[in-house]
């Protein structure tokens, strides 16, 4: 039994020694040598091809829609076009207002609607005023007193001068109430006060505002009519502040209306 075990151990030792011998000698295991990697260098082209400039192509239909226009290049001065919105207004130098300087009532109205054209000196309304009649009566009394002094043949020069001064003062008072010289002359000739005073247009133009109504009471300074001469008008526009340096007095502007 012992001999058998010794035999087996001897065989194993011999086998291990043989394997170790062949491994060291390279007979059983032959290592592979690393093969060199082949690389090829790719050279860049010496001259790069020239690329064309990018272009944008628009069809004729789209050009018409977006408003593209072509024109020949030329040398011209630079111009800045300013576009804005304006409104038509009255020329303030051609406006006139009609009012009275006394209290009264409108008894007759010659201009009874807005927009009517009137000429300078055309009658607008007739106004009855008790205060105005009283002033006319005082003027007539001064005239009678003056004529009485002359008829008596008084030689007092001071009295005659006083009569002339009072007559002129009464006449001036009527003028200050917008009574014309023709109306004053009529009062002197007839010897009777005028019941109603006729108001005349101070200028030619259109009635743009009318507050006068037949039979209404009129107070001093109350506006009755607004008259505007539309032979020339103003176009008032709003300009941005940064565009103001480009605006000069005397420049021309092109105006287009919506109708």
Protein backbone atom coordinates (compact mmCIF):
# COMPACT_ATOMS: atom_id res chain seq x y z
CA UNK A 1 0.00 0.00 0.00
CA UNK A 2 2.72 2.42 0.87
CA UNK A 3 4.56 1.56 -2.31
CA UNK A 4 1.48 2.34 -4.35
CA UNK A 5 1.09 5.79 -2.77
CA UNK A 6 4.73 6.55 -3.31
CA UNK A 7 4.36 5.63 -6.94
CA UNK A 8 1.42 7.95 -7.49
CA UNK A 9 3.23 10.86 -5.83
CA UNK A 10 6.31 10.27 -7.96
CA UNK A 11 4.20 10.31 -11.16
CA UNK A 12 2.55 13.64 -10.19
CA UNK A 13 5.90 15.25 -9.45
CA UNK A 14 7.34 14.13 -12.76
CA UNK A 15 4.28 15.43 -14.65
CA UNK A 16 4.48 18.85 -13.00
CA UNK A 17 8.17 19.13 -13.73
CA UNK A 18 7.62 18.23 -17.39
CA UNK A 19 4.90 20.88 -17.83
CA UNK A 20 7.10 23.50 -16.23
CA UNK A 21 9.99 22.56 -18.50
CA UNK A 22 7.99 22.79 -21.71
CA UNK A 23 6.40 26.13 -20.62
CA UNK A 24 9.76 27.73 -20.02
CA UNK A 25 11.12 26.50 -23.33
CA UNK A 26 8.12 27.90 -25.25
CA UNK A 27 7.13 24.69 -26.90
CA UNK A 28 3.56 24.54 -25.60
CA UNK A 29 2.76 28.31 -25.37
CA UNK A 30 4.19 30.59 -28.10
CA UNK A 31 3.45 34.30 -27.47
CA UNK A 32 2.13 36.28 -30.35
CA UNK A 33 4.21 39.27 -31.44
CA UNK A 34 2.44 42.62 -31.69
CA UNK A 35 1.97 43.58 -35.32
CA UNK A 36 2.75 47.17 -36.19
CA UNK A 37 -0.31 49.36 -37.04
CA UNK A 38 -0.14 50.86 -40.46
CA UNK A 39 -1.21 54.55 -40.62
CA UNK A 40 -1.60 56.67 -43.70
CA UNK A 41 -1.39 60.46 -43.49
CA UNK A 42 -4.05 62.23 -45.55
CA UNK A 43 -2.71 65.52 -46.82
CA UNK A 44 -5.15 68.54 -47.03
CA UNK A 45 -5.63 70.23 -50.38
CA UNK A 46 -3.10 72.97 -50.84
CA UNK A 47 -5.63 75.41 -52.38
CA UNK A 48 -9.21 75.56 -51.01
CA UNK A 49 -11.90 75.96 -53.52
CA UNK A 50 -13.37 79.44 -53.54
CA UNK A 51 -16.98 79.52 -52.26
CA UNK A 52 -19.59 81.72 -53.92
CA UNK A 53 -21.17 84.61 -51.95
CA UNK A 54 -24.61 83.73 -50.47
CA UNK A 55 -27.55 85.06 -52.47
CA UNK A 56 -31.27 85.42 -51.79
CA UNK A 57 -33.69 84.86 -54.61
CA UNK A 58 -37.23 86.33 -54.46
CA UNK A 59 -39.82 85.44 -57.01
CA UNK A 60 -41.39 88.30 -59.04
CA UNK A 61 -44.76 87.65 -57.41
CA UNK A 62 -43.35 88.14 -53.91
CA UNK A 63 -41.41 91.21 -55.03
CA UNK A 64 -44.67 92.78 -56.12
CA UNK A 65 -46.34 91.92 -52.82
CA UNK A 66 -43.63 93.42 -50.61
CA UNK A 67 -43.11 96.46 -52.88
CA UNK A 68 -39.53 95.86 -54.01
CA UNK A 69 -38.34 98.48 -56.49
CA UNK A 70 -35.14 98.71 -58.46
CA UNK A 71 -33.52 101.86 -59.75
CA UNK A 72 -30.28 102.91 -61.31
CA UNK A 73 -27.56 103.92 -58.83
CA UNK A 74 -26.79 107.65 -58.91
CA UNK A 75 -25.31 110.38 -56.72
CA UNK A 76 -28.03 112.41 -54.98
CA UNK A 77 -28.28 114.53 -51.79
CA UNK A 78 -29.53 112.70 -48.72
CA UNK A 79 -33.14 113.51 -47.84
CA UNK A 80 -35.22 112.66 -44.78
CA UNK A 81 -38.95 112.15 -45.28
CA UNK A 82 -41.06 112.85 -42.18
CA UNK A 83 -44.53 111.33 -42.21
CA UNK A 84 -47.14 112.43 -39.70
CA UNK A 85 -50.86 112.98 -39.29
CA UNK A 86 -52.36 116.47 -39.39
CA UNK A 87 -55.74 118.04 -38.77
CA UNK A 88 -57.39 120.92 -40.60
CA UNK A 89 -58.14 123.93 -38.39
CA UNK A 90 -59.34 127.50 -38.87
CA UNK A 91 -56.82 130.23 -39.55
CA UNK A 92 -56.86 132.07 -36.22
CA UNK A 93 -56.02 135.33 -38.01
CA UNK A 94 -59.30 135.09 -39.94
CA UNK A 95 -61.70 134.47 -37.06
CA UNK A 96 -64.24 137.01 -35.82
CA UNK A 97 -66.75 137.00 -32.96
CA UNK A 98 -69.96 139.00 -32.86
CA UNK A 99 -71.28 140.19 -29.49
CA UNK A 100 -72.95 143.22 -27.93
CA UNK A 101 -71.90 145.75 -25.31
CA UNK A 102 -75.37 146.26 -23.88
CA UNK A 103 -78.27 144.24 -22.57
CA UNK A 104 -81.20 143.53 -24.85
CA UNK A 105 -83.44 141.04 -26.65
CA UNK A 106 -83.15 139.64 -30.19
CA UNK A 107 -86.27 140.70 -32.11
CA UNK A 108 -85.16 139.74 -35.61
CA UNK A 109 -82.63 137.17 -36.81
CA UNK A 110 -81.26 137.42 -40.35
CA UNK A 111 -78.82 134.49 -40.04
CA UNK A 112 -80.69 131.53 -38.61
CA UNK A 113 -78.38 128.52 -39.24
CA UNK A 114 -74.76 127.50 -38.92
CA UNK A 115 -72.69 127.25 -42.09
CA UNK A 116 -74.25 130.21 -43.86
CA UNK A 117 -71.91 132.48 -45.78
CA UNK A 118 -72.10 136.19 -44.92
CA UNK A 119 -70.37 139.22 -46.36
CA UNK A 120 -68.74 142.04 -44.46
CA UNK A 121 -71.38 144.62 -43.45
CA UNK A 122 -74.30 142.19 -43.92
CA UNK A 123 -76.99 142.45 -41.18
CA UNK A 124 -77.05 139.53 -38.73
CA UNK A 125 -79.70 140.44 -36.14
CA UNK A 126 -81.74 143.27 -34.64
CA UNK A 127 -81.66 143.83 -30.87
CA UNK A 128 -84.04 145.83 -28.71
CA UNK A 129 -82.43 147.45 -25.69
CA UNK A 130 -84.18 149.88 -23.26
CA UNK A 131 -80.76 151.11 -22.15
CA UNK A 132 -79.81 151.92 -25.72
CA UNK A 133 -83.08 153.81 -26.29
CA UNK A 134 -82.43 155.87 -23.16
CA UNK A 135 -78.96 156.83 -24.41
CA UNK A 136 -80.38 157.84 -27.78
CA UNK A 137 -82.99 159.97 -26.07
CA UNK A 138 -80.27 161.75 -24.10
CA UNK A 139 -78.46 162.45 -27.36
CA UNK A 140 -81.63 163.92 -28.86
CA UNK A 141 -82.18 166.12 -25.81
CA UNK A 142 -78.63 167.50 -26.12
CA UNK A 143 -79.29 168.27 -29.81
CA UNK A 144 -82.52 170.13 -28.96
CA UNK A 145 -80.76 172.16 -26.28
CA UNK A 146 -77.97 173.03 -28.69
CA UNK A 147 -80.40 174.06 -31.43
CA UNK A 148 -82.37 176.16 -28.88
CA UNK A 149 -79.23 178.08 -27.92
CA UNK A 150 -78.50 178.86 -31.56
CA UNK A 151 -82.09 179.92 -32.27
CA UNK A 152 -82.03 182.36 -29.37
CA UNK A 153 -78.89 183.93 -30.80
CA UNK A 154 -77.03 183.81 -27.51
CA UNK A 155 -73.64 185.41 -27.73
CA UNK A 156 -72.19 183.39 -24.86
CA UNK A 157 -69.29 181.56 -26.41
CA UNK A 158 -68.71 179.39 -23.35
CA UNK A 159 -72.30 178.13 -23.43
CA UNK A 160 -72.02 177.32 -27.12
CA UNK A 161 -68.78 175.42 -26.55
CA UNK A 162 -70.37 173.47 -23.71
CA UNK A 163 -73.27 172.50 -25.99
CA UNK A 164 -70.87 171.30 -28.68
CA UNK A 165 -68.87 169.30 -26.12
CA UNK A 166 -71.99 167.63 -24.68
CA UNK A 167 -73.25 166.78 -28.16
CA UNK A 168 -69.95 165.20 -29.15
CA UNK A 169 -69.77 163.25 -25.88
CA UNK A 170 -73.28 161.84 -26.44
CA UNK A 171 -72.37 160.94 -30.02
CA UNK A 172 -69.16 159.22 -28.85
CA UNK A 173 -71.11 157.20 -26.30
CA UNK A 174 -73.29 155.83 -29.07
CA UNK A 175 -70.21 154.93 -31.11
CA UNK A 176 -68.76 153.02 -28.18
CA UNK A 177 -71.88 150.86 -28.23
CA UNK A 178 -71.12 149.95 -31.88
CA UNK A 179 -73.73 152.28 -33.38
CA UNK A 180 -72.49 153.32 -36.81
CA UNK A 181 -72.19 156.90 -38.00
CA UNK A 182 -74.99 156.30 -40.51
CA UNK A 183 -77.31 155.21 -37.72
CA UNK A 184 -76.36 158.23 -35.62
CA UNK A 185 -77.02 160.48 -38.60
CA UNK A 186 -80.43 158.87 -39.05
CA UNK A 187 -81.26 159.59 -35.38
CA UNK A 188 -80.30 163.26 -35.87
CA UNK A 189 -82.38 163.61 -39.03
CA UNK A 190 -85.53 161.88 -37.77
CA UNK A 191 -85.31 163.19 -34.22
CA UNK A 192 -86.49 159.82 -32.93
CA UNK A 193 -84.55 157.01 -31.28
CA UNK A 194 -84.08 153.74 -33.15
CA UNK A 195 -86.11 151.01 -31.44
CA UNK A 196 -83.86 148.12 -32.46
CA UNK A 197 -80.15 148.17 -33.22
CA UNK A 198 -78.96 146.18 -36.24
CA UNK A 199 -75.84 144.07 -35.73
CA UNK A 200 -73.64 143.79 -38.84
CA UNK A 201 -71.02 141.22 -39.79
CA UNK A 202 -67.47 142.49 -39.13
CA UNK A 203 -65.93 140.29 -41.87
CA UNK A 204 -66.78 137.93 -44.71
CA UNK A 205 -66.85 134.21 -44.02
CA UNK A 206 -68.92 131.29 -42.83
CA UNK A 207 -70.93 131.07 -39.63
CA UNK A 208 -69.13 128.27 -37.76
CA UNK A 209 -70.98 128.75 -34.46
CA UNK A 210 -74.33 130.36 -33.71
CA UNK A 211 -75.73 130.84 -30.22
CA UNK A 212 -78.21 133.58 -31.13
CA UNK A 213 -81.87 132.50 -31.02
CA UNK A 214 -84.88 134.61 -31.89
CA UNK A 215 -86.35 136.20 -28.74
CA UNK A 216 -83.43 135.33 -26.43
CA UNK A 217 -82.01 137.77 -23.92
CA UNK A 218 -78.53 139.07 -24.67
CA UNK A 219 -76.07 140.17 -21.99
CA UNK A 220 -73.03 142.44 -22.52
CA UNK A 221 -70.11 140.49 -23.96
CA UNK A 222 -72.19 137.41 -24.75
CA UNK A 223 -71.10 135.69 -27.96
CA UNK A 224 -73.75 135.51 -30.68
CA UNK A 225 -71.85 134.37 -33.80
CA UNK A 226 -68.41 133.03 -34.76
CA UNK A 227 -67.35 133.83 -38.31
CA UNK A 228 -64.41 132.11 -40.06
CA UNK A 229 -62.87 133.04 -43.37
CA UNK A 230 -62.06 129.70 -45.02
CA UNK A 231 -60.13 131.15 -47.94
CA UNK A 232 -57.05 129.80 -46.15
CA UNK A 233 -56.80 127.19 -43.39
CA UNK A 234 -54.10 125.70 -41.16
CA UNK A 235 -52.80 122.13 -41.09
CA UNK A 236 -51.69 121.36 -37.54
CA UNK A 237 -49.41 118.32 -37.20
CA UNK A 238 -47.62 116.63 -34.30
CA UNK A 239 -43.87 116.06 -34.79
CA UNK A 240 -41.70 113.84 -32.60
CA UNK A 241 -39.04 115.62 -30.57
CA UNK A 242 -36.13 113.88 -32.28
CA UNK A 243 -37.42 115.12 -35.66
CA UNK A 244 -37.70 118.76 -34.66
CA UNK A 245 -34.11 119.67 -35.71
CA UNK A 246 -35.05 118.62 -39.26
CA UNK A 247 -37.96 121.08 -39.44
CA UNK A 248 -37.19 124.59 -40.65
CA UNK A 249 -39.43 127.59 -41.22
CA UNK A 250 -40.43 127.93 -44.85
CA UNK A 251 -40.18 124.25 -45.74
CA UNK A 252 -42.85 122.84 -48.03
CA UNK A 253 -45.04 119.89 -47.11
CA UNK A 254 -47.00 117.52 -49.31
CA UNK A 255 -50.53 116.93 -48.02
CA UNK A 256 -52.75 114.02 -49.04
CA UNK A 257 -56.39 113.69 -47.98
CA UNK A 258 -58.34 110.52 -47.30
CA UNK A 259 -61.11 111.43 -49.74
